[in-house]
Protein backbone atom coordinates (compact mmCIF):
# COMPACT_ATOMS: atom_id res chain seq x y z
CA MET A 1 -8.48 29.30 9.79
CA LYS A 2 -10.57 26.31 10.92
CA LYS A 3 -12.45 26.33 7.61
CA GLU A 4 -9.14 26.37 5.72
CA LEU A 5 -7.85 23.34 7.66
CA THR A 6 -11.11 21.49 7.09
CA GLU A 7 -10.83 22.09 3.35
CA GLN A 8 -7.17 21.03 3.38
CA PHE A 9 -8.12 17.79 5.12
CA ARG A 10 -10.99 17.19 2.69
CA GLU A 11 -8.66 17.60 -0.30
CA LEU A 12 -6.07 15.24 1.19
CA TYR A 13 -8.76 12.68 1.93
CA LEU A 14 -10.30 12.79 -1.53
CA GLU A 15 -6.91 12.66 -3.24
CA HIS A 16 -5.46 9.75 -1.25
CA LYS A 17 -8.24 7.57 0.17
CA ASP A 18 -8.49 5.11 -2.73
CA ASN A 19 -4.73 4.64 -3.12
CA LEU A 20 -4.27 4.16 0.61
CA PHE A 21 -7.08 1.62 0.70
CA GLY A 22 -5.37 -0.29 -2.12
CA VAL A 23 -2.09 -0.31 -0.20
CA ALA A 24 -3.85 -1.44 2.97
CA MET A 25 -5.70 -4.21 1.12
CA LEU A 26 -2.51 -5.53 -0.40
CA TYR A 27 -0.85 -5.59 3.01
CA LEU A 28 -3.73 -6.83 5.12
CA LYS A 29 -5.86 -8.86 2.65
CA ASP A 30 -8.88 -7.99 4.74
CA TYR A 31 -11.47 -5.41 3.70
CA HIS A 32 -12.40 -4.32 7.21
CA LEU A 33 -8.84 -4.14 8.52
CA ALA A 34 -7.90 -2.09 5.46
CA GLN A 35 -10.78 0.30 6.12
CA ASP A 36 -9.62 0.62 9.73
CA ALA A 37 -6.04 1.31 8.61
CA VAL A 38 -7.14 4.08 6.26
CA GLN A 39 -9.39 5.57 8.91
CA GLU A 40 -6.55 5.53 11.43
CA THR A 41 -4.25 7.10 8.84
CA PHE A 42 -6.60 10.01 8.30
CA PHE A 43 -7.11 10.41 12.05
CA ARG A 44 -3.35 10.86 12.39
CA VAL A 45 -3.27 13.21 9.39
CA PHE A 46 -6.06 15.28 10.93
CA ARG A 47 -4.10 15.66 14.16
CA LYS A 48 -1.12 17.03 12.19
CA LEU A 49 -3.05 19.46 9.96
CA GLY A 50 -1.46 22.55 11.45
CA THR A 51 2.06 21.36 10.58
CA ILE A 52 1.39 19.55 7.31
CA ASP A 53 2.46 22.50 5.13
CA THR A 54 6.08 21.87 6.14
CA ILE A 55 5.98 18.33 4.67
CA GLU A 56 7.60 18.21 1.24
CA ASN A 57 6.01 15.05 -0.19
CA LYS A 58 2.58 14.66 1.37
CA SER A 59 1.76 11.56 -0.65
CA ALA A 60 4.86 9.71 0.58
CA TRP A 61 4.21 10.91 4.15
CA ILE A 62 0.60 9.69 4.16
CA THR A 63 1.59 6.38 2.55
CA THR A 64 4.29 5.90 5.19
CA ILE A 65 1.68 6.32 7.90
CA THR A 66 -0.56 3.74 6.22
CA VAL A 67 2.29 1.25 5.74
CA ASN A 68 3.28 1.55 9.40
CA ILE A 69 -0.30 1.11 10.56
CA CYS A 70 -0.67 -1.96 8.34
CA LYS A 71 2.55 -3.46 9.69
CA ASN A 72 1.30 -2.94 13.24
CA LYS A 73 -2.04 -4.52 12.38
CA LEU A 74 -0.26 -7.51 10.83
CA LYS A 75 1.76 -7.98 14.01
CA ARG A 76 -1.42 -7.89 16.09
CA LYS A 77 -3.19 -10.15 13.60
CA CYS A 78 -0.41 -12.74 13.86
CA ARG A 79 -0.47 -12.63 17.64
CA THR A 80 -4.21 -13.21 17.81
CA GLU A 81 -4.20 -15.64 14.86
CA ILE A 82 -7.03 -14.01 12.99
CA SER A 83 -7.22 -15.24 9.43
CA SER A 84 -9.26 -13.83 6.62
CA ASN A 85 -8.66 -13.95 2.89
CA GLU A 86 -11.40 -11.57 1.82
CA ILE A 87 -10.22 -9.63 -1.22
CA ASP A 88 -12.18 -6.76 -2.68
CA LEU A 89 -11.01 -6.79 -6.30
CA ASP A 90 -12.80 -3.53 -7.04
CA SER A 91 -10.47 -1.74 -4.62
CA ILE A 92 -7.34 -2.89 -6.47
CA THR A 93 -6.73 -1.39 -9.87
CA LEU A 94 -4.93 -3.69 -12.27
CA VAL A 95 -4.29 -3.11 -15.95
CA SER A 96 -6.24 -6.14 -17.14
CA GLU A 97 -10.00 -6.29 -16.84
CA ASN A 98 -9.92 -10.10 -17.09
CA ILE A 99 -10.93 -11.52 -13.71
CA ASP A 100 -8.80 -14.65 -14.11
CA THR A 101 -5.74 -12.53 -14.84
CA LYS A 102 -6.53 -10.29 -11.86
CA LEU A 103 -6.75 -13.30 -9.58
CA THR A 104 -3.53 -14.78 -10.93
CA VAL A 105 -1.63 -11.50 -10.52
CA LEU A 106 -3.03 -11.05 -7.00
CA ASP A 107 -2.06 -14.61 -6.12
CA ALA A 108 1.43 -13.97 -7.48
CA LEU A 109 1.68 -10.74 -5.52
CA HIS A 110 0.44 -12.36 -2.31
CA SER A 111 2.98 -15.16 -2.73
CA LEU A 112 5.81 -12.66 -2.27
CA PRO A 113 7.35 -12.06 1.14
CA LEU A 114 6.17 -8.82 2.73
CA SER A 115 9.49 -7.04 2.16
CA LEU A 116 9.14 -7.61 -1.60
CA LYS A 117 5.38 -7.15 -1.78
CA GLU A 118 5.54 -3.68 -0.25
CA ILE A 119 8.12 -2.60 -2.83
CA VAL A 120 5.95 -3.83 -5.72
CA VAL A 121 2.83 -2.19 -4.31
CA LEU A 122 4.51 1.15 -3.76
CA TYR A 123 6.34 1.12 -7.11
CA TYR A 124 3.73 -0.24 -9.51
CA TYR A 125 0.41 0.50 -7.82
CA GLN A 126 1.22 3.75 -6.02
CA GLU A 127 3.82 4.87 -8.61
CA PHE A 128 6.39 6.10 -6.10
CA THR A 129 10.00 6.45 -7.23
CA GLN A 130 12.63 4.15 -5.78
CA ARG A 131 13.98 7.09 -3.76
CA GLU A 132 10.53 7.81 -2.32
CA ILE A 133 10.02 4.14 -1.48
CA GLY A 134 13.34 4.15 0.35
CA GLU A 135 12.16 7.13 2.40
CA ILE A 136 8.79 5.52 3.14
CA LEU A 137 10.28 2.19 4.23
CA LYS A 138 13.44 3.69 5.75
CA ILE A 139 15.79 1.65 3.55
CA SER A 140 18.39 2.69 0.97
CA GLU A 141 17.47 3.30 -2.65
CA SER A 142 19.83 0.50 -3.70
CA THR A 143 17.99 -1.90 -1.39
CA VAL A 144 14.73 -0.86 -3.03
CA ALA A 145 16.20 -1.51 -6.50
CA TYR A 146 17.55 -4.91 -5.40
CA ARG A 147 14.25 -5.99 -3.85
CA LEU A 148 12.34 -4.78 -6.91
CA LYS A 149 14.60 -6.88 -9.14
CA ILE A 150 14.06 -9.98 -6.98
CA ALA A 151 10.29 -9.38 -6.87
CA ARG A 152 10.12 -9.03 -10.66
CA ASN A 153 11.96 -12.32 -11.11
CA LEU A 154 9.75 -14.13 -8.62
CA LEU A 155 6.59 -12.73 -10.20
CA LYS A 156 7.86 -13.62 -13.66
CA ASN A 157 8.52 -17.21 -12.56
CA TYR A 158 5.16 -17.45 -10.81
CA LEU A 159 3.29 -16.17 -13.84
CA LYS A 160 5.36 -18.31 -16.20
CA GLU A 161 4.15 -21.39 -14.29
CA ASP A 162 0.58 -20.27 -15.03
CA ASP A 163 1.34 -19.53 -18.69
CA TYR A 164 0.88 -15.78 -18.37
CA GLU A 165 4.18 -14.85 -19.92
């Protein structure tokens, strides 16, 4: 039984660690805080291993844990006024391999308010459906669709200013 749980945890870790790190980086913009968030996520997952089989969408569940941890870290970070803009581009997968384009897209993404940024990250980078995003963020699917529309327009305008359209 213990060996089975260990293997289950290993599989979950290998399947989700990179995506969760990407989510954490986009939220926290700090390599070390993102690593901490992912580590804390998997600590919480490990504690729930016995009951995890009852969870329908494990990917959404694990991402929700990561998002909540990141939000808590951001609150603490704001209170203690820690600032760091370290970005590990290798941890964020973008379609273009052009470094200038990567930086411009990241800048555009970071210019969004958190409520819009999290929708974009979960939809485009983590490839969750709008319904799943609503479940993760505890908002309605129509709110997700609305925020996604606003984020697209803001990103389009931002990138248009930099001649990337």
